[in-house]
Protein backbone atom coordinates (compact mmCIF):
# COMPACT_ATOMS: atom_id res chain seq x y z
CA MET A 1 54.85 158.94 153.89
CA SER A 2 57.85 161.26 153.81
CA GLU A 3 57.68 161.46 150.01
CA ALA A 4 54.00 162.44 150.21
CA LEU A 5 54.76 165.15 152.77
CA SER A 6 57.65 166.44 150.66
CA SER A 7 55.42 166.54 147.57
CA PHE A 8 52.71 168.37 149.50
CA ALA A 9 55.21 170.93 150.85
CA GLN A 10 56.63 171.52 147.38
CA ARG A 11 53.14 172.01 145.94
CA ALA A 12 52.27 174.42 148.77
CA ARG A 13 55.41 176.46 148.12
CA SER A 14 54.60 176.58 144.41
CA GLU A 15 51.05 177.72 145.03
CA ARG A 16 52.26 180.34 147.51
CA GLY A 17 54.72 181.61 144.94
CA TRP A 18 51.98 182.00 142.33
CA TRP A 19 49.78 183.86 144.80
CA VAL A 20 52.64 186.25 145.55
CA ALA A 21 53.22 186.74 141.82
CA ALA A 22 49.52 187.43 141.24
CA ALA A 23 49.51 190.00 144.06
CA LEU A 24 52.56 191.75 142.61
CA ILE A 25 50.96 191.84 139.15
CA LEU A 26 47.80 193.36 140.63
CA LEU A 27 49.86 196.00 142.43
CA GLY A 28 51.68 196.70 139.18
CA VAL A 29 48.44 197.20 137.26
CA LEU A 30 47.15 199.58 139.96
CA TYR A 31 50.44 201.47 140.36
CA PRO A 32 49.62 204.40 138.03
CA LEU A 33 46.39 204.93 139.97
CA MET A 34 48.18 204.91 143.34
CA VAL A 35 51.44 206.72 142.58
CA ASP A 36 50.20 210.22 143.47
CA SER A 37 48.98 209.02 146.86
CA LEU A 38 52.20 207.10 147.48
CA ARG A 39 54.34 210.16 146.70
CA GLU A 40 52.50 212.10 149.41
CA LEU A 41 53.51 209.66 152.15
CA PRO A 42 56.01 210.97 154.73
CA VAL A 43 59.65 209.84 154.50
CA ILE A 44 59.20 207.26 151.73
CA GLY A 45 57.08 209.44 149.43
CA ASP A 46 60.12 211.17 147.91
CA PHE A 47 61.57 207.80 146.92
CA VAL A 48 58.50 206.54 145.02
CA PRO A 49 59.33 206.57 141.28
CA ALA A 50 57.10 208.44 138.87
CA THR A 51 55.12 206.47 136.29
CA GLY A 52 57.39 207.70 133.50
CA SER A 53 60.44 206.35 135.30
CA MET A 54 58.67 203.05 135.85
CA VAL A 55 58.09 202.76 132.09
CA ILE A 56 61.84 202.96 131.46
CA MET A 57 62.57 200.60 134.37
CA LEU A 58 60.21 198.01 132.85
CA ALA A 59 61.90 198.39 129.46
CA PHE A 60 65.26 197.77 131.17
CA THR A 61 63.73 194.73 132.89
CA MET A 62 62.64 193.26 129.57
CA MET A 63 66.15 193.72 128.14
CA ALA A 64 67.70 192.16 131.25
CA LEU A 65 65.41 189.13 130.95
CA GLY A 66 66.48 188.74 127.32
CA LEU A 67 70.15 188.94 128.29
CA ASN A 68 69.50 186.43 131.09
CA ILE A 69 68.62 183.83 128.45
CA VAL A 70 72.09 184.23 126.97
CA VAL A 71 74.11 184.67 130.17
CA GLY A 72 72.01 183.02 132.86
CA TYR A 73 70.58 180.06 130.96
CA ALA A 74 73.26 179.24 128.39
CA GLY A 75 76.25 180.64 130.27
CA LEU A 76 77.47 182.76 127.33
CA LEU A 77 79.12 185.97 128.56
CA ASP A 78 77.71 188.57 126.16
CA LEU A 79 79.14 192.10 126.52
CA GLY A 80 77.55 193.43 123.33
CA TYR A 81 73.83 193.16 124.07
CA VAL A 82 73.45 196.86 123.30
CA ALA A 83 73.65 195.89 119.61
CA PHE A 84 70.25 194.20 119.82
CA TYR A 85 68.75 197.14 121.69
CA ALA A 86 70.01 199.47 118.95
CA ALA A 87 68.74 197.22 116.16
CA GLY A 88 65.23 197.22 117.63
CA ALA A 89 65.21 200.98 118.12
CA TYR A 90 66.29 201.67 114.54
CA VAL A 91 63.71 199.26 113.13
CA ALA A 92 61.14 201.47 114.83
CA GLY A 93 62.87 204.49 113.31
CA TRP A 94 62.77 203.02 109.80
CA PHE A 95 59.18 201.80 109.79
CA ALA A 96 57.41 204.32 112.03
CA SER A 97 58.77 207.78 111.32
CA LEU A 98 59.38 210.48 108.69
CA HIS A 99 62.89 209.19 108.05
CA PHE A 100 62.32 207.90 104.49
CA GLU A 101 60.66 211.02 103.13
CA ASP A 102 60.65 209.80 99.52
CA ILE A 103 58.31 206.95 100.44
CA SER A 104 54.71 207.34 101.54
CA PHE A 105 53.28 204.20 103.13
CA HIS A 106 50.71 204.23 105.92
CA LEU A 107 49.43 201.33 107.98
CA SER A 108 48.90 203.11 111.29
CA SER A 109 46.16 205.06 113.03
CA ALA A 110 48.70 207.04 115.07
CA VAL A 111 49.59 209.59 112.34
CA ASP A 112 47.96 211.66 109.65
CA GLY A 113 47.74 209.85 106.32
CA ASP A 114 49.26 212.83 104.48
CA LEU A 115 52.61 212.63 106.26
CA PRO A 116 55.57 211.32 104.22
CA GLY A 117 57.60 208.34 105.30
CA ILE A 118 56.78 204.80 106.34
CA HIS A 119 54.22 204.58 109.14
CA ILE A 120 53.34 201.05 110.19
CA SER A 121 51.44 200.30 113.39
CA MET A 122 53.86 200.13 116.32
CA TRP A 123 52.38 196.79 117.35
CA LEU A 124 53.54 195.31 114.06
CA VAL A 125 56.85 197.18 114.36
CA LEU A 126 57.48 195.60 117.78
CA VAL A 127 57.09 192.13 116.26
CA ALA A 128 59.20 193.06 113.23
CA ALA A 129 61.90 194.49 115.50
CA GLY A 130 61.99 191.25 117.47
CA PHE A 131 62.42 189.02 114.42
CA PHE A 132 64.89 191.37 112.73
CA THR A 133 66.99 191.49 115.89
CA ALA A 134 66.82 187.70 116.22
CA ALA A 135 68.24 187.50 112.69
CA VAL A 136 70.98 189.94 113.71
CA GLY A 137 71.68 187.72 116.72
CA ILE A 138 72.12 184.72 114.43
CA VAL A 139 74.42 186.65 112.10
CA ILE A 140 76.54 187.84 115.02
CA GLY A 141 76.40 184.51 116.81
CA LEU A 142 77.43 182.16 114.02
CA PRO A 143 81.03 183.39 113.71
CA THR A 144 81.51 184.03 117.44
CA LEU A 145 79.80 181.21 119.31
CA ARG A 146 82.56 178.75 118.45
CA LEU A 147 84.53 180.62 121.11
CA ARG A 148 83.98 180.25 124.82
CA GLY A 149 84.73 182.02 128.07
CA ASP A 150 86.93 185.09 127.96
CA TYR A 151 87.40 184.89 124.18
CA LEU A 152 83.64 185.08 123.59
CA ALA A 153 83.40 188.04 125.99
CA ILE A 154 86.15 189.90 124.12
CA VAL A 155 84.51 189.37 120.73
CA THR A 156 81.07 190.46 121.95
CA LEU A 157 82.72 193.47 123.60
CA GLY A 158 84.02 194.35 120.15
CA PHE A 159 80.51 194.25 118.71
CA GLY A 160 79.34 196.45 121.58
CA GLU A 161 81.95 199.04 120.62
CA ILE A 162 81.30 198.79 116.88
CA VAL A 163 77.54 199.43 117.06
CA PRO A 164 77.59 203.03 118.38
CA GLN A 165 80.30 203.93 115.89
CA PHE A 166 78.30 202.41 113.07
CA VAL A 167 75.00 204.14 113.87
CA ARG A 168 76.79 207.49 114.23
CA ASN A 169 78.45 207.14 110.83
CA ALA A 170 75.74 205.35 108.83
CA ASP A 171 74.17 208.58 107.56
CA SER A 172 75.89 208.03 104.24
CA VAL A 173 76.22 204.35 103.39
CA GLY A 174 76.88 204.47 99.67
CA GLY A 175 75.06 207.79 99.61
CA PHE A 176 72.08 206.35 101.51
CA ASN A 177 71.05 207.82 104.88
CA LEU A 178 70.43 204.77 107.04
CA THR A 179 70.57 206.10 110.62
CA ASN A 180 70.70 209.92 110.25
CA GLY A 181 74.05 209.93 112.00
CA SER A 182 74.55 211.70 115.31
CA PHE A 183 71.11 213.33 115.15
CA GLY A 184 69.30 209.99 115.33
CA ILE A 185 65.82 209.33 113.98
CA THR A 186 63.03 211.42 115.45
CA PRO A 187 60.09 211.66 115.85
CA ILE A 188 59.09 208.01 116.00
CA ASP A 189 55.37 207.25 115.98
CA SER A 190 53.44 206.57 119.13
CA ILE A 191 51.76 203.31 120.05
CA ALA A 192 48.04 203.50 119.35
CA VAL A 193 44.97 201.37 120.02
CA GLY A 194 42.24 202.17 117.54
CA GLY A 195 41.89 205.95 117.64
CA LEU A 196 43.63 206.24 121.02
CA VAL A 197 47.13 207.60 120.38
CA PHE A 198 49.12 207.20 123.59
CA ARG A 199 51.36 210.23 123.14
CA GLU A 200 48.44 212.57 122.61
CA GLU A 201 46.70 211.59 125.83
CA SER A 202 47.16 213.39 129.15
CA ASN A 203 47.86 210.02 130.84
CA LYS A 204 50.33 208.82 128.20
CA ASP A 205 52.78 207.58 130.85
CA ASP A 206 50.04 205.39 132.35
CA LEU A 207 49.20 203.89 128.95
CA TYR A 208 52.86 203.20 128.19
CA PHE A 209 53.30 201.73 131.68
CA TRP A 210 50.51 199.19 131.21
CA THR A 211 51.91 198.31 127.77
CA ALA A 212 55.40 197.83 129.21
CA LEU A 213 54.00 195.72 132.05
CA GLY A 214 52.23 193.50 129.50
CA LEU A 215 55.46 193.08 127.51
CA VAL A 216 57.39 192.16 130.67
CA LEU A 217 54.76 189.60 131.67
CA PHE A 218 54.90 188.10 128.17
CA THR A 219 58.70 187.91 128.45
CA VAL A 220 58.48 186.26 131.87
CA PHE A 221 55.99 183.68 130.54
CA CYS A 222 58.30 182.85 127.63
CA CYS A 223 61.33 182.64 129.93
CA ILE A 224 59.56 180.20 132.26
CA ARG A 225 58.42 178.01 129.38
CA LEU A 226 61.87 178.08 127.80
CA ARG A 227 63.60 177.26 131.09
CA ASP A 228 61.47 174.16 131.56
CA SER A 229 61.67 173.03 127.94
CA ARG A 230 64.05 170.58 126.32
CA LEU A 231 65.95 173.52 124.81
CA GLY A 232 66.23 175.16 128.22
CA ARG A 233 67.68 172.00 129.75
CA ALA A 234 70.20 171.87 126.91
CA TRP A 235 71.22 175.47 127.68
CA VAL A 236 71.74 174.59 131.34
CA ALA A 237 73.81 171.55 130.35
CA ILE A 238 76.05 173.75 128.19
CA ARG A 239 76.35 176.28 130.99
CA GLU A 240 77.39 173.63 133.52
CA ASP A 241 79.86 171.71 131.33
CA GLU A 242 80.10 172.35 127.61
CA THR A 243 82.36 169.37 126.95
CA ALA A 244 80.05 166.97 128.78
CA ALA A 245 77.03 168.42 126.96
CA ALA A 246 78.67 167.82 123.61
CA ALA A 247 79.56 164.27 124.67
CA MET A 248 75.89 163.66 125.50
CA GLY A 249 74.87 164.63 121.97
CA ILE A 250 73.74 168.24 122.43
CA PRO A 251 74.48 170.24 119.22
CA LEU A 252 76.48 173.10 120.69
CA MET A 253 76.36 175.63 117.83
CA ARG A 254 72.65 175.22 117.15
CA THR A 255 71.73 175.38 120.83
CA LYS A 256 73.91 178.43 121.49
CA THR A 257 72.56 180.17 118.41
CA TRP A 258 68.99 179.63 119.64
CA ALA A 259 69.97 181.31 122.93
CA TYR A 260 71.49 184.25 121.10
CA ALA A 261 68.52 184.62 118.76
CA ILE A 262 65.83 184.37 121.42
CA GLY A 263 67.67 186.70 123.78
CA ALA A 264 68.10 189.16 120.92
CA PHE A 265 64.38 188.95 120.11
CA PHE A 266 63.35 190.36 123.47
CA GLY A 267 66.11 192.98 123.34
CA GLY A 268 64.83 194.14 119.97
CA VAL A 269 61.21 194.38 121.12
CA ALA A 270 62.29 196.37 124.19
CA GLY A 271 64.45 198.64 122.03
CA ALA A 272 61.58 199.41 119.65
CA PHE A 273 59.21 200.06 122.57
CA PHE A 274 61.75 202.34 124.26
CA ALA A 275 62.28 204.26 121.01
CA SER A 276 58.53 204.77 120.65
CA TYR A 277 58.24 206.01 124.24
CA ARG A 278 61.14 208.43 123.83
CA ALA A 279 59.94 209.34 120.30
CA GLY A 280 63.40 208.76 118.87
CA ALA A 281 66.41 206.49 118.39
CA PHE A 282 69.60 208.31 119.39
CA PRO A 283 73.18 207.01 119.10
CA ALA A 284 74.01 208.31 122.59
CA ASP A 285 71.82 205.55 124.03
CA PHE A 286 73.82 202.69 122.53
CA PHE A 287 77.20 202.77 124.21
CA PHE A 288 79.03 199.79 125.65
CA GLN A 289 78.32 200.85 129.25
CA PHE A 290 74.68 199.97 128.75
CA SER A 291 75.55 196.31 128.12
CA VAL A 292 77.54 196.27 131.37
CA PHE A 293 74.63 197.96 133.14
CA LEU A 294 72.26 195.17 132.05
CA LEU A 295 74.79 192.53 133.07
CA CYS A 296 75.02 194.12 136.53
CA MET A 297 71.25 193.72 136.87
CA ILE A 298 71.58 189.99 136.25
CA ILE A 299 74.49 189.58 138.67
CA LEU A 300 72.70 191.57 141.37
CA GLY A 301 69.47 189.61 141.05
CA GLY A 302 70.94 186.17 140.44
CA MET A 303 72.07 184.67 137.15
CA GLY A 304 69.49 182.34 135.67
CA SER A 305 66.81 183.45 138.14
CA ILE A 306 63.83 185.14 136.46
CA TRP A 307 62.53 186.77 139.63
CA GLY A 308 66.05 187.71 140.68
CA VAL A 309 66.71 189.44 137.36
CA ILE A 310 63.46 191.37 137.70
CA ALA A 311 64.47 192.51 141.19
CA GLY A 312 67.98 193.48 140.08
CA ALA A 313 66.67 195.34 137.03
CA MET A 314 64.12 197.30 139.05
CA ILE A 315 66.67 198.25 141.73
CA LEU A 316 69.42 199.43 139.38
CA GLY A 317 66.88 200.92 136.98
CA TYR A 318 65.41 202.95 139.84
CA LEU A 319 68.83 204.15 140.97
CA ASP A 320 69.64 205.17 137.40
CA ARG A 321 66.39 207.05 136.75
CA GLU A 322 65.55 208.68 140.07
CA GLY A 323 67.15 206.97 143.05
CA LEU A 324 70.64 208.49 143.01
CA ALA A 325 69.31 211.95 142.26
CA THR A 326 66.81 211.73 145.14
CA ILE A 327 69.45 210.43 147.54
CA GLY A 328 71.80 213.20 146.42
CA SER A 329 69.21 215.89 147.09
CA LYS A 330 68.62 214.48 150.58
CA ILE A 331 72.36 214.45 151.28
CA GLN A 332 72.74 218.04 150.09
CA GLU A 333 69.79 219.13 152.23
CA SER A 334 71.69 217.79 155.24
CA GLY A 335 74.58 220.15 154.44
CA LEU A 336 77.00 217.77 152.69
CA ASP A 337 78.28 218.64 149.23
CA PHE A 338 78.05 215.25 147.53
CA ASP A 339 76.29 214.34 144.28
CA PRO A 340 76.10 210.53 143.82
CA THR A 341 74.97 210.88 140.18
CA LYS A 342 78.55 211.85 139.28
CA TYR A 343 79.77 208.49 140.53
CA GLN A 344 76.92 206.25 139.40
CA PHE A 345 79.00 203.56 137.71
CA GLY A 346 81.37 203.48 140.66
CA ILE A 347 78.38 203.04 142.97
CA TYR A 348 77.03 200.21 140.81
CA GLY A 349 80.46 198.58 140.96
CA VAL A 350 80.55 198.82 144.75
CA ILE A 351 77.08 197.25 144.94
CA ILE A 352 78.19 194.31 142.79
CA VAL A 353 81.42 193.79 144.77
CA VAL A 354 79.52 193.83 148.06
CA MET A 355 77.00 191.36 146.65
CA MET A 356 79.77 189.03 145.55
CA LEU A 357 81.24 189.09 149.06
CA ILE A 358 78.00 188.79 151.01
CA ARG A 359 75.61 186.94 148.69
CA PRO A 360 77.38 185.69 145.55
CA THR A 361 74.26 183.85 144.37
CA GLY A 362 72.32 187.13 144.01
CA LEU A 363 69.26 188.54 145.73
CA ILE A 364 66.94 185.77 144.53
CA PRO A 365 69.26 182.97 143.40
CA GLU A 366 68.46 180.17 141.01
CA ARG A 367 68.18 176.93 142.98
CA ARG A 368 70.93 175.11 141.07
CA HIS A 369 73.41 177.97 141.42
CA LYS A 370 72.63 178.31 145.12
CA ILE A 371 73.30 174.61 145.78
CA GLU A 372 76.57 174.69 143.84
CA LEU A 373 77.94 177.77 145.58
CA GLU A 374 76.70 177.04 149.11
CA GLU A 375 77.13 173.25 149.28
CA GLY A 376 79.73 172.72 146.57
CA VAL A 377 80.16 169.67 144.36
CA ARG A 378 81.16 166.51 146.20
CA ASP A 379 84.52 165.32 145.02
CA THR A 380 85.53 162.65 147.55
CA PRO A 381 87.92 159.83 146.65
CA PHE A 382 86.30 156.42 146.41
CA TYR A 383 88.20 154.94 149.36
CA ASP A 384 87.28 157.93 151.55
CA VAL A 385 83.65 157.34 150.67
CA GLN A 386 84.07 153.71 151.79
CA SER A 387 85.57 154.79 155.11
CA GLU A 388 82.60 157.10 155.74
CA GLY A 389 80.33 154.07 155.65
CA THR A 390 78.31 155.25 152.68
CA LEU A 391 78.66 151.89 150.97
CA THR A 392 77.12 148.71 152.23
CA ASP A 393 79.03 145.47 152.72
CA ARG A 394 77.48 144.21 149.51
CA ASP A 395 78.77 147.28 147.65
CA ARG A 396 82.25 146.56 149.02
CA GLY A 397 82.24 143.13 147.51
CA GLY A 398 80.77 141.24 150.45
CA ASP A 399 83.81 141.63 152.75
């Protein structure tokens, strides 16, 4: 009877969760239509983000979900995720811009057929960016994933520092202009559906918002399926105890490489989308601090928790795009001379420290992490267990 009630309660919670998710998705779809009305509300209206800011926040969310596969699922501390973001953005620059002027190849309805350069549909470029970045993840992962812990973090930090230097100086690689140096690659083609070119429309932010929302939902679906798959369980086993996982027959290198590649895939797609929205890929966007920023989103929301990562990404993304500036203007209106945007990374650090002290599992923790941190792992000597009466007389040998 108790098992039936427990099963019913679990099913009810699951169904309630899906209803909540469906309601949030509906609100997300309607957000561009409601944002003007919301911004007119007293008190809270000034804090409602514009649709353009929401587009960037959703792109950050997609990157954070990709990094969560590496850090939250597999337990690999990656401090160089910005490399995958940059790779995706430059794929968009190579295959959807005027960058290669000596070549004329068109497979896109977003630009005039007489323009020089390679112009492939951004939908195809998003897919190509994902697979190219996954390949980059494998190349980076193979020599580094034999390390663990702090050593892996140091090596990935090195890649995070190398990437911005490389893209700034790759304007003459053997005489070939690969990245256009400090100027970046611009303009990058817009996303288009048939004859509807997003950037040419008056509601371009709305169109990009719905596209970004669709990409985030696709990422969430893949993350859920991966988490519940055999590969996902292998990642969790490696995260919990790598030595025990290897002893149980899990191929460590192959499993870790899959985490790196799949996480890089979503980072590359988000990078290409972001480059299309901003109409350019610029080296100033690819510094090491961005990797730390994404990692803070995961820590704030809850490592390994899909919904937690979404919450953390939206909160920090909002503070980065509009929140701190809005709060600063309100503070200055009250007569205080304080601009929080000058101390944004310090503020993010304070938020993370406070979270670690008050709620170390994150805003929406993963169930396994929550149990480990709140209840701990039982490590009681055998004879103490006997004295607690947890063993029957038969278990004690019939004494």
